[in-house]
Amino acid sequence: MAYARRAREISDVRYYTKAEETLARSFAIEPGNYDGLKTQAWLELGKHEFAKALETAVQLNKKTPDDVMVYGYLVDAKVELGNYNAAVTAAQWMLDLRAGNVPSRRAGVDADGL
């Protein structure tokens, strides 16, 4: 995740490659591990692979439906794909699970909705 964050911080896509290599090692050790999938979704969003990110986020949401960060991934992917009503629904779930949570603040969601 550190490589992926660095790629976004300094707009250097070479860090995405490093993140993907590290992620591949993670999946070699434990295929489909939850933290690895969360990092994968974040990478897909950062690389503007929104349809893939949505698939990964949906998979994560099915495994752990109370992870507020995953709802942030769902919101981001759905907005980028133009599915605004579904994005609003996902954002509302974030707030319903935990009002004022940090991921919803990053997504620009407040207690009054979008």
C-alpha atoms as a PDB file:
ATOM      1  CA  MET A   1       0.000   0.000   0.000  1.00  0.00           C
ATOM      2  CA  ALA A   2       2.929   2.328   0.662  1.00  0.00           C
ATOM      3  CA  TYR A   3       4.049   2.066  -2.970  1.00  0.00           C
ATOM      4  CA  ALA A   4       0.519   2.729  -4.203  1.00  0.00           C
ATOM      5  CA  ARG A   5       0.188   5.797  -1.987  1.00  0.00           C
ATOM      6  CA  ARG A   6       3.561   7.069  -3.127  1.00  0.00           C
ATOM      7  CA  ALA A   7       2.498   6.735  -6.777  1.00  0.00           C
ATOM      8  CA  ARG A   8      -0.468   9.003  -6.097  1.00  0.00           C
ATOM      9  CA  GLU A   9       1.501  11.436  -3.943  1.00  0.00           C
ATOM     10  CA  ILE A  10       4.151  12.198  -6.520  1.00  0.00           C
ATOM     11  CA  SER A  11       2.357  11.107  -9.716  1.00  0.00           C
ATOM     12  CA  ASP A  12       5.015   8.541 -10.544  1.00  0.00           C
ATOM     13  CA  VAL A  13       3.468   5.431 -12.082  1.00  0.00           C
ATOM     14  CA  ARG A  14       6.660   3.428 -11.516  1.00  0.00           C
ATOM     15  CA  TYR A  15       5.469   3.001  -7.942  1.00  0.00           C
ATOM     16  CA  TYR A  16       2.339   1.249  -9.216  1.00  0.00           C
ATOM     17  CA  THR A  17       4.610  -1.380 -10.754  1.00  0.00           C
ATOM     18  CA  LYS A  18       6.409  -1.848  -7.432  1.00  0.00           C
ATOM     19  CA  ALA A  19       3.055  -2.086  -5.652  1.00  0.00           C
ATOM     20  CA  GLU A  20       1.811  -4.697  -8.120  1.00  0.00           C
ATOM     21  CA  GLU A  21       4.989  -6.771  -7.700  1.00  0.00           C
ATOM     22  CA  THR A  22       4.616  -6.673  -3.924  1.00  0.00           C
ATOM     23  CA  LEU A  23       0.934  -7.528  -4.220  1.00  0.00           C
ATOM     24  CA  ALA A  24       1.766 -10.538  -6.424  1.00  0.00           C
ATOM     25  CA  ARG A  25       4.115 -11.821  -3.695  1.00  0.00           C
ATOM     26  CA  SER A  26       1.339 -11.341  -1.155  1.00  0.00           C
ATOM     27  CA  PHE A  27      -1.078 -13.408  -3.252  1.00  0.00           C
ATOM     28  CA  ALA A  28       1.607 -16.081  -3.771  1.00  0.00           C
ATOM     29  CA  ILE A  29       1.797 -16.472   0.003  1.00  0.00           C
ATOM     30  CA  GLU A  30      -1.958 -16.308   0.579  1.00  0.00           C
ATOM     31  CA  PRO A  31      -4.130 -16.238  -2.544  1.00  0.00           C
ATOM     32  CA  GLY A  32      -7.085 -13.880  -2.316  1.00  0.00           C
ATOM     33  CA  ASN A  33      -6.085 -12.448   1.052  1.00  0.00           C
ATOM     34  CA  TYR A  34      -8.357  -9.653   2.208  1.00  0.00           C
ATOM     35  CA  ASP A  35      -5.709  -6.967   2.750  1.00  0.00           C
ATOM     36  CA  GLY A  36      -4.183  -7.788  -0.608  1.00  0.00           C
ATOM     37  CA  LEU A  37      -7.559  -7.421  -2.293  1.00  0.00           C
ATOM     38  CA  LYS A  38      -8.089  -4.056  -0.591  1.00  0.00           C
ATOM     39  CA  THR A  39      -4.741  -2.896  -1.928  1.00  0.00           C
ATOM     40  CA  GLN A  40      -5.640  -4.273  -5.359  1.00  0.00           C
ATOM     41  CA  ALA A  41      -8.893  -2.262  -5.392  1.00  0.00           C
ATOM     42  CA  TRP A  42      -6.999   0.869  -4.369  1.00  0.00           C
ATOM     43  CA  LEU A  43      -4.467   0.302  -7.148  1.00  0.00           C
ATOM     44  CA  GLU A  44      -7.201  -0.249  -9.712  1.00  0.00           C
ATOM     45  CA  LEU A  45      -8.860   3.003  -8.685  1.00  0.00           C
ATOM     46  CA  GLY A  46      -5.543   4.848  -8.879  1.00  0.00           C
ATOM     47  CA  LYS A  47      -4.893   3.465 -12.349  1.00  0.00           C
ATOM     48  CA  HIS A  48      -8.422   4.431 -13.458  1.00  0.00           C
ATOM     49  CA  GLU A  49      -9.430   0.804 -13.954  1.00  0.00           C
ATOM     50  CA  PHE A  50     -12.835   1.566 -12.477  1.00  0.00           C
ATOM     51  CA  ALA A  51     -14.746  -1.494 -13.702  1.00  0.00           C
ATOM     52  CA  LYS A  52     -12.070  -3.799 -12.263  1.00  0.00           C
ATOM     53  CA  ALA A  53     -12.029  -1.780  -9.037  1.00  0.00           C
ATOM     54  CA  LEU A  54     -15.775  -2.138  -8.727  1.00  0.00           C
ATOM     55  CA  GLU A  55     -15.551  -5.918  -9.169  1.00  0.00           C
ATOM     56  CA  THR A  56     -12.843  -6.146  -6.513  1.00  0.00           C
ATOM     57  CA  ALA A  57     -14.734  -3.865  -4.122  1.00  0.00           C
ATOM     58  CA  VAL A  58     -17.938  -5.891  -4.543  1.00  0.00           C
ATOM     59  CA  GLN A  59     -15.966  -9.074  -3.775  1.00  0.00           C
ATOM     60  CA  LEU A  60     -14.527  -7.432  -0.648  1.00  0.00           C
ATOM     61  CA  ASN A  61     -17.937  -6.127   0.409  1.00  0.00           C
ATOM     62  CA  LYS A  62     -19.390  -9.642   0.211  1.00  0.00           C
ATOM     63  CA  LYS A  63     -16.598 -10.951   2.458  1.00  0.00           C
ATOM     64  CA  THR A  64     -16.826  -8.154   5.014  1.00  0.00           C
ATOM     65  CA  PRO A  65     -19.950  -6.031   4.639  1.00  0.00           C
ATOM     66  CA  ASP A  66     -19.060  -3.709   7.523  1.00  0.00           C
ATOM     67  CA  ASP A  67     -15.701  -2.436   6.231  1.00  0.00           C
ATOM     68  CA  VAL A  68     -16.318   1.288   5.734  1.00  0.00           C
ATOM     69  CA  MET A  69     -13.211   1.743   3.581  1.00  0.00           C
ATOM     70  CA  VAL A  70     -14.582  -0.760   1.076  1.00  0.00           C
ATOM     71  CA  TYR A  71     -17.706   1.370   0.791  1.00  0.00           C
ATOM     72  CA  GLY A  72     -15.398   4.251  -0.114  1.00  0.00           C
ATOM     73  CA  TYR A  73     -13.966   2.131  -2.915  1.00  0.00           C
ATOM     74  CA  LEU A  74     -17.503   1.336  -4.069  1.00  0.00           C
ATOM     75  CA  VAL A  75     -18.422   5.025  -4.027  1.00  0.00           C
ATOM     76  CA  ASP A  76     -15.331   6.011  -5.995  1.00  0.00           C
ATOM     77  CA  ALA A  77     -15.746   3.314  -8.640  1.00  0.00           C
ATOM     78  CA  LYS A  78     -19.470   3.915  -9.056  1.00  0.00           C
ATOM     79  CA  VAL A  79     -19.039   7.677  -9.427  1.00  0.00           C
ATOM     80  CA  GLU A  80     -16.310   7.214 -12.029  1.00  0.00           C
ATOM     81  CA  LEU A  81     -18.508   4.773 -13.933  1.00  0.00           C
ATOM     82  CA  GLY A  82     -21.398   7.250 -13.863  1.00  0.00           C
ATOM     83  CA  ASN A  83     -23.608   5.203 -11.549  1.00  0.00           C
ATOM     84  CA  TYR A  84     -24.400   8.127  -9.247  1.00  0.00           C
ATOM     85  CA  ASN A  85     -27.473   6.706  -7.524  1.00  0.00           C
ATOM     86  CA  ALA A  86     -25.568   3.562  -6.543  1.00  0.00           C
ATOM     87  CA  ALA A  87     -22.665   5.741  -5.349  1.00  0.00           C
ATOM     88  CA  VAL A  88     -25.025   7.722  -3.118  1.00  0.00           C
ATOM     89  CA  THR A  89     -26.415   4.476  -1.714  1.00  0.00           C
ATOM     90  CA  ALA A  90     -22.913   3.187  -0.938  1.00  0.00           C
ATOM     91  CA  ALA A  91     -21.981   6.510   0.672  1.00  0.00           C
ATOM     92  CA  GLN A  92     -25.086   6.348   2.831  1.00  0.00           C
ATOM     93  CA  TRP A  93     -24.129   2.828   3.932  1.00  0.00           C
ATOM     94  CA  MET A  94     -20.769   4.223   5.054  1.00  0.00           C
ATOM     95  CA  LEU A  95     -22.512   6.767   7.219  1.00  0.00           C
ATOM     96  CA  ASP A  96     -25.068   4.300   8.519  1.00  0.00           C
ATOM     97  CA  LEU A  97     -22.312   1.925   9.593  1.00  0.00           C
ATOM     98  CA  ARG A  98     -20.291   4.583  11.349  1.00  0.00           C
ATOM     99  CA  ALA A  99     -21.264   8.237  11.139  1.00  0.00           C
ATOM    100  CA  GLY A 100     -18.283  10.555  10.833  1.00  0.00           C
ATOM    101  CA  ASN A 101     -15.879   7.757   9.889  1.00  0.00           C
ATOM    102  CA  VAL A 102     -12.575   8.787   8.351  1.00  0.00           C
ATOM    103  CA  PRO A 103     -13.128   7.176   4.903  1.00  0.00           C
ATOM    104  CA  SER A 104     -16.395   9.059   4.461  1.00  0.00           C
ATOM    105  CA  ARG A 105     -14.646  12.302   5.306  1.00  0.00           C
ATOM    106  CA  ARG A 106     -12.086  11.583   2.590  1.00  0.00           C
ATOM    107  CA  ALA A 107     -14.873  10.836   0.140  1.00  0.00           C
ATOM    108  CA  GLY A 108     -16.474  14.194   0.908  1.00  0.00           C
ATOM    109  CA  VAL A 109     -19.467  12.694   2.662  1.00  0.00           C
ATOM    110  CA  ASP A 110     -20.834  14.292   5.813  1.00  0.00           C
ATOM    111  CA  ALA A 111     -23.649  13.479   8.195  1.00  0.00           C
ATOM    112  CA  ASP A 112     -26.146  15.204   5.891  1.00  0.00           C
ATOM    113  CA  GLY A 113     -25.236  12.978   2.932  1.00  0.00           C
ATOM    114  CA  LEU A 114     -23.550  14.059  -0.299  1.00  0.00           C
END
